Amino acid sequence: MDLCMPSLDGIRLAKKIREVNTKIKILLITAFYFNDMLDTEEYREAKLSGLIQKPTKLSELRQRMIELLSE
């Protein structure tokens, strides 16, 4: 999912998903990436499975999804 969405940002949506399903993989895609982003408290609380920085190639997205699904 994208970090910036019109009515509900990706972090808040991830937290809502986690209330219902703790096992689903959530991959955040964003243009607003900074080093150690996943180490911030807000992102740890969302329990994201990973993060990809835009722009990204389809092959990179595909590979990351394969990695997540094989965990």
N, C-alpha and C. Protein backbone atom coordinates (compact mmCIF):
# COMPACT_ATOMS: atom_id res chain seq x y z
N MET A 1 0.84 -1.16 0.00
CA MET A 1 0.00 0.00 0.00
C MET A 1 0.88 1.22 0.00
N ASP A 2 0.33 2.35 -0.38
CA ASP A 2 1.08 3.59 -0.43
C ASP A 2 1.01 4.31 0.91
N LEU A 3 2.06 5.02 1.23
CA LEU A 3 2.08 5.79 2.47
C LEU A 3 1.06 6.93 2.42
N CYS A 4 1.02 7.64 1.30
CA CYS A 4 0.12 8.79 1.16
C CYS A 4 -1.10 8.42 0.32
N MET A 5 -2.23 8.30 0.98
CA MET A 5 -3.48 8.02 0.30
C MET A 5 -4.48 9.09 0.72
N PRO A 6 -5.50 9.34 -0.08
CA PRO A 6 -6.40 10.47 0.17
C PRO A 6 -7.08 10.52 1.54
N SER A 7 -7.70 9.47 1.96
CA SER A 7 -8.49 9.56 3.19
C SER A 7 -7.87 8.86 4.39
N LEU A 8 -6.95 7.95 4.16
CA LEU A 8 -6.35 7.20 5.26
C LEU A 8 -4.92 6.86 4.87
N ASP A 9 -3.94 7.38 5.62
CA ASP A 9 -2.56 7.12 5.24
C ASP A 9 -2.21 5.66 5.49
N GLY A 10 -1.13 5.22 4.86
CA GLY A 10 -0.74 3.82 4.90
C GLY A 10 -0.44 3.30 6.30
N ILE A 11 0.11 4.15 7.16
CA ILE A 11 0.43 3.73 8.52
C ILE A 11 -0.85 3.48 9.32
N ARG A 12 -1.79 4.40 9.25
CA ARG A 12 -3.06 4.21 9.97
C ARG A 12 -3.82 3.00 9.44
N LEU A 13 -3.80 2.82 8.11
CA LEU A 13 -4.47 1.66 7.53
C LEU A 13 -3.81 0.36 7.98
N ALA A 14 -2.48 0.34 8.01
CA ALA A 14 -1.75 -0.86 8.47
C ALA A 14 -2.14 -1.20 9.91
N LYS A 15 -2.24 -0.19 10.75
CA LYS A 15 -2.62 -0.43 12.15
C LYS A 15 -4.03 -1.01 12.23
N LYS A 16 -4.95 -0.51 11.40
CA LYS A 16 -6.32 -1.04 11.39
C LYS A 16 -6.34 -2.49 10.90
N ILE A 17 -5.54 -2.78 9.88
CA ILE A 17 -5.45 -4.15 9.37
C ILE A 17 -4.93 -5.07 10.47
N ARG A 18 -3.92 -4.63 11.20
CA ARG A 18 -3.32 -5.43 12.27
C ARG A 18 -4.31 -5.74 13.39
N GLU A 19 -5.31 -4.88 13.59
CA GLU A 19 -6.33 -5.15 14.59
C GLU A 19 -7.15 -6.38 14.22
N VAL A 20 -7.25 -6.65 12.92
CA VAL A 20 -8.06 -7.75 12.41
C VAL A 20 -7.22 -8.97 12.05
N ASN A 21 -6.03 -8.73 11.49
CA ASN A 21 -5.19 -9.83 11.01
C ASN A 21 -3.72 -9.52 11.33
N THR A 22 -3.15 -10.27 12.23
CA THR A 22 -1.77 -10.02 12.64
C THR A 22 -0.75 -10.73 11.76
N LYS A 23 -1.20 -11.61 10.88
CA LYS A 23 -0.27 -12.42 10.10
C LYS A 23 -0.08 -11.95 8.66
N ILE A 24 -0.97 -11.11 8.17
CA ILE A 24 -0.88 -10.66 6.78
C ILE A 24 0.38 -9.82 6.57
N LYS A 25 0.98 -9.94 5.41
CA LYS A 25 2.17 -9.17 5.06
C LYS A 25 1.74 -7.81 4.53
N ILE A 26 2.36 -6.75 5.04
CA ILE A 26 2.03 -5.40 4.59
C ILE A 26 3.31 -4.74 4.10
N LEU A 27 3.33 -4.43 2.82
CA LEU A 27 4.47 -3.79 2.18
C LEU A 27 4.08 -2.35 1.86
N LEU A 28 4.81 -1.40 2.41
CA LEU A 28 4.54 0.02 2.21
C LEU A 28 5.39 0.53 1.06
N ILE A 29 4.76 1.27 0.16
CA ILE A 29 5.46 1.87 -0.97
C ILE A 29 5.36 3.38 -0.82
N THR A 30 6.50 4.06 -0.90
CA THR A 30 6.49 5.50 -0.67
C THR A 30 7.61 6.22 -1.41
N ALA A 31 7.35 7.47 -1.74
CA ALA A 31 8.38 8.34 -2.30
C ALA A 31 9.07 9.10 -1.17
N PHE A 32 8.52 9.03 0.03
CA PHE A 32 9.01 9.79 1.18
C PHE A 32 9.84 8.90 2.10
N TYR A 33 10.84 8.28 1.54
CA TYR A 33 11.66 7.34 2.30
C TYR A 33 12.85 8.06 2.94
N PHE A 34 13.16 7.68 4.15
CA PHE A 34 14.40 8.15 4.77
C PHE A 34 15.05 6.98 5.50
N ASN A 35 16.35 7.07 5.73
CA ASN A 35 17.08 5.99 6.39
C ASN A 35 16.46 5.67 7.75
N ASP A 36 16.41 4.41 8.07
CA ASP A 36 15.89 3.93 9.35
C ASP A 36 14.41 4.26 9.55
N MET A 37 13.68 4.46 8.49
CA MET A 37 12.26 4.80 8.58
C MET A 37 11.48 3.76 9.36
N LEU A 38 11.78 2.48 9.12
CA LEU A 38 11.04 1.42 9.80
C LEU A 38 11.39 1.31 11.28
N ASP A 39 12.44 2.00 11.71
CA ASP A 39 12.85 1.94 13.11
C ASP A 39 12.17 2.98 13.98
N THR A 40 11.34 3.84 13.39
CA THR A 40 10.64 4.83 14.19
C THR A 40 9.47 4.16 14.91
N GLU A 41 9.05 4.73 16.01
CA GLU A 41 7.99 4.14 16.82
C GLU A 41 6.70 3.96 16.03
N GLU A 42 6.33 4.97 15.25
CA GLU A 42 5.09 4.92 14.47
C GLU A 42 5.09 3.73 13.51
N TYR A 43 6.20 3.50 12.86
CA TYR A 43 6.28 2.41 11.89
C TYR A 43 6.37 1.05 12.58
N ARG A 44 7.04 1.00 13.71
CA ARG A 44 7.10 -0.27 14.47
C ARG A 44 5.71 -0.66 14.95
N GLU A 45 4.93 0.32 15.41
CA GLU A 45 3.57 0.04 15.88
C GLU A 45 2.69 -0.50 14.75
N ALA A 46 2.94 -0.05 13.52
CA ALA A 46 2.16 -0.52 12.37
C ALA A 46 2.55 -1.94 11.97
N LYS A 47 3.69 -2.42 12.45
CA LYS A 47 4.18 -3.77 12.18
C LYS A 47 4.22 -4.06 10.67
N LEU A 48 4.86 -3.16 9.94
CA LEU A 48 5.01 -3.33 8.50
C LEU A 48 5.97 -4.46 8.20
N SER A 49 5.74 -5.14 7.10
CA SER A 49 6.60 -6.24 6.68
C SER A 49 7.78 -5.73 5.88
N GLY A 50 7.65 -4.54 5.32
CA GLY A 50 8.73 -3.99 4.53
C GLY A 50 8.35 -2.67 3.92
N LEU A 51 9.32 -2.08 3.25
CA LEU A 51 9.13 -0.77 2.64
C LEU A 51 9.90 -0.73 1.33
N ILE A 52 9.28 -0.17 0.30
CA ILE A 52 9.92 0.02 -1.00
C ILE A 52 9.82 1.49 -1.34
N GLN A 53 10.92 2.03 -1.85
CA GLN A 53 10.97 3.43 -2.22
C GLN A 53 10.58 3.61 -3.68
N LYS A 54 9.74 4.61 -3.94
CA LYS A 54 9.39 4.97 -5.32
C LYS A 54 10.49 5.85 -5.89
N PRO A 55 10.69 5.86 -7.17
CA PRO A 55 10.12 4.93 -8.13
C PRO A 55 10.80 3.57 -8.00
N THR A 56 10.06 2.56 -8.31
CA THR A 56 10.59 1.20 -8.24
C THR A 56 10.29 0.47 -9.53
N LYS A 57 11.10 -0.49 -9.83
CA LYS A 57 10.87 -1.32 -11.01
C LYS A 57 9.94 -2.46 -10.63
N LEU A 58 9.14 -2.88 -11.57
CA LEU A 58 8.23 -3.99 -11.34
C LEU A 58 8.99 -5.23 -10.88
N SER A 59 10.16 -5.46 -11.44
CA SER A 59 10.95 -6.64 -11.05
C SER A 59 11.37 -6.57 -9.58
N GLU A 60 11.68 -5.36 -9.08
CA GLU A 60 12.05 -5.20 -7.67
C GLU A 60 10.84 -5.46 -6.77
N LEU A 61 9.68 -4.95 -7.16
CA LEU A 61 8.45 -5.17 -6.40
C LEU A 61 8.11 -6.65 -6.37
N ARG A 62 8.19 -7.28 -7.51
CA ARG A 62 7.90 -8.71 -7.61
C ARG A 62 8.83 -9.53 -6.70
N GLN A 63 10.13 -9.21 -6.74
CA GLN A 63 11.10 -9.94 -5.93
C GLN A 63 10.83 -9.75 -4.43
N ARG A 64 10.50 -8.55 -4.03
CA ARG A 64 10.22 -8.27 -2.61
C ARG A 64 8.97 -9.03 -2.17
N MET A 65 7.96 -9.08 -3.03
CA MET A 65 6.74 -9.81 -2.68
C MET A 65 7.02 -11.30 -2.57
N ILE A 66 7.84 -11.83 -3.45
CA ILE A 66 8.22 -13.26 -3.38
C ILE A 66 8.94 -13.53 -2.06
N GLU A 67 9.85 -12.64 -1.68
CA GLU A 67 10.58 -12.81 -0.42
C GLU A 67 9.63 -12.80 0.77
N LEU A 68 8.69 -11.86 0.79
CA LEU A 68 7.75 -11.77 1.91
C LEU A 68 6.86 -13.00 2.00
N LEU A 69 6.40 -13.47 0.86
CA LEU A 69 5.50 -14.62 0.87
C LEU A 69 6.20 -15.93 1.21
N SER A 70 7.52 -15.96 1.04
CA SER A 70 8.24 -17.19 1.35
C SER A 70 8.71 -17.23 2.82
N GLU A 71 8.52 -16.14 3.55
CA GLU A 71 8.92 -16.11 4.97
C GLU A 71 7.97 -16.91 5.81
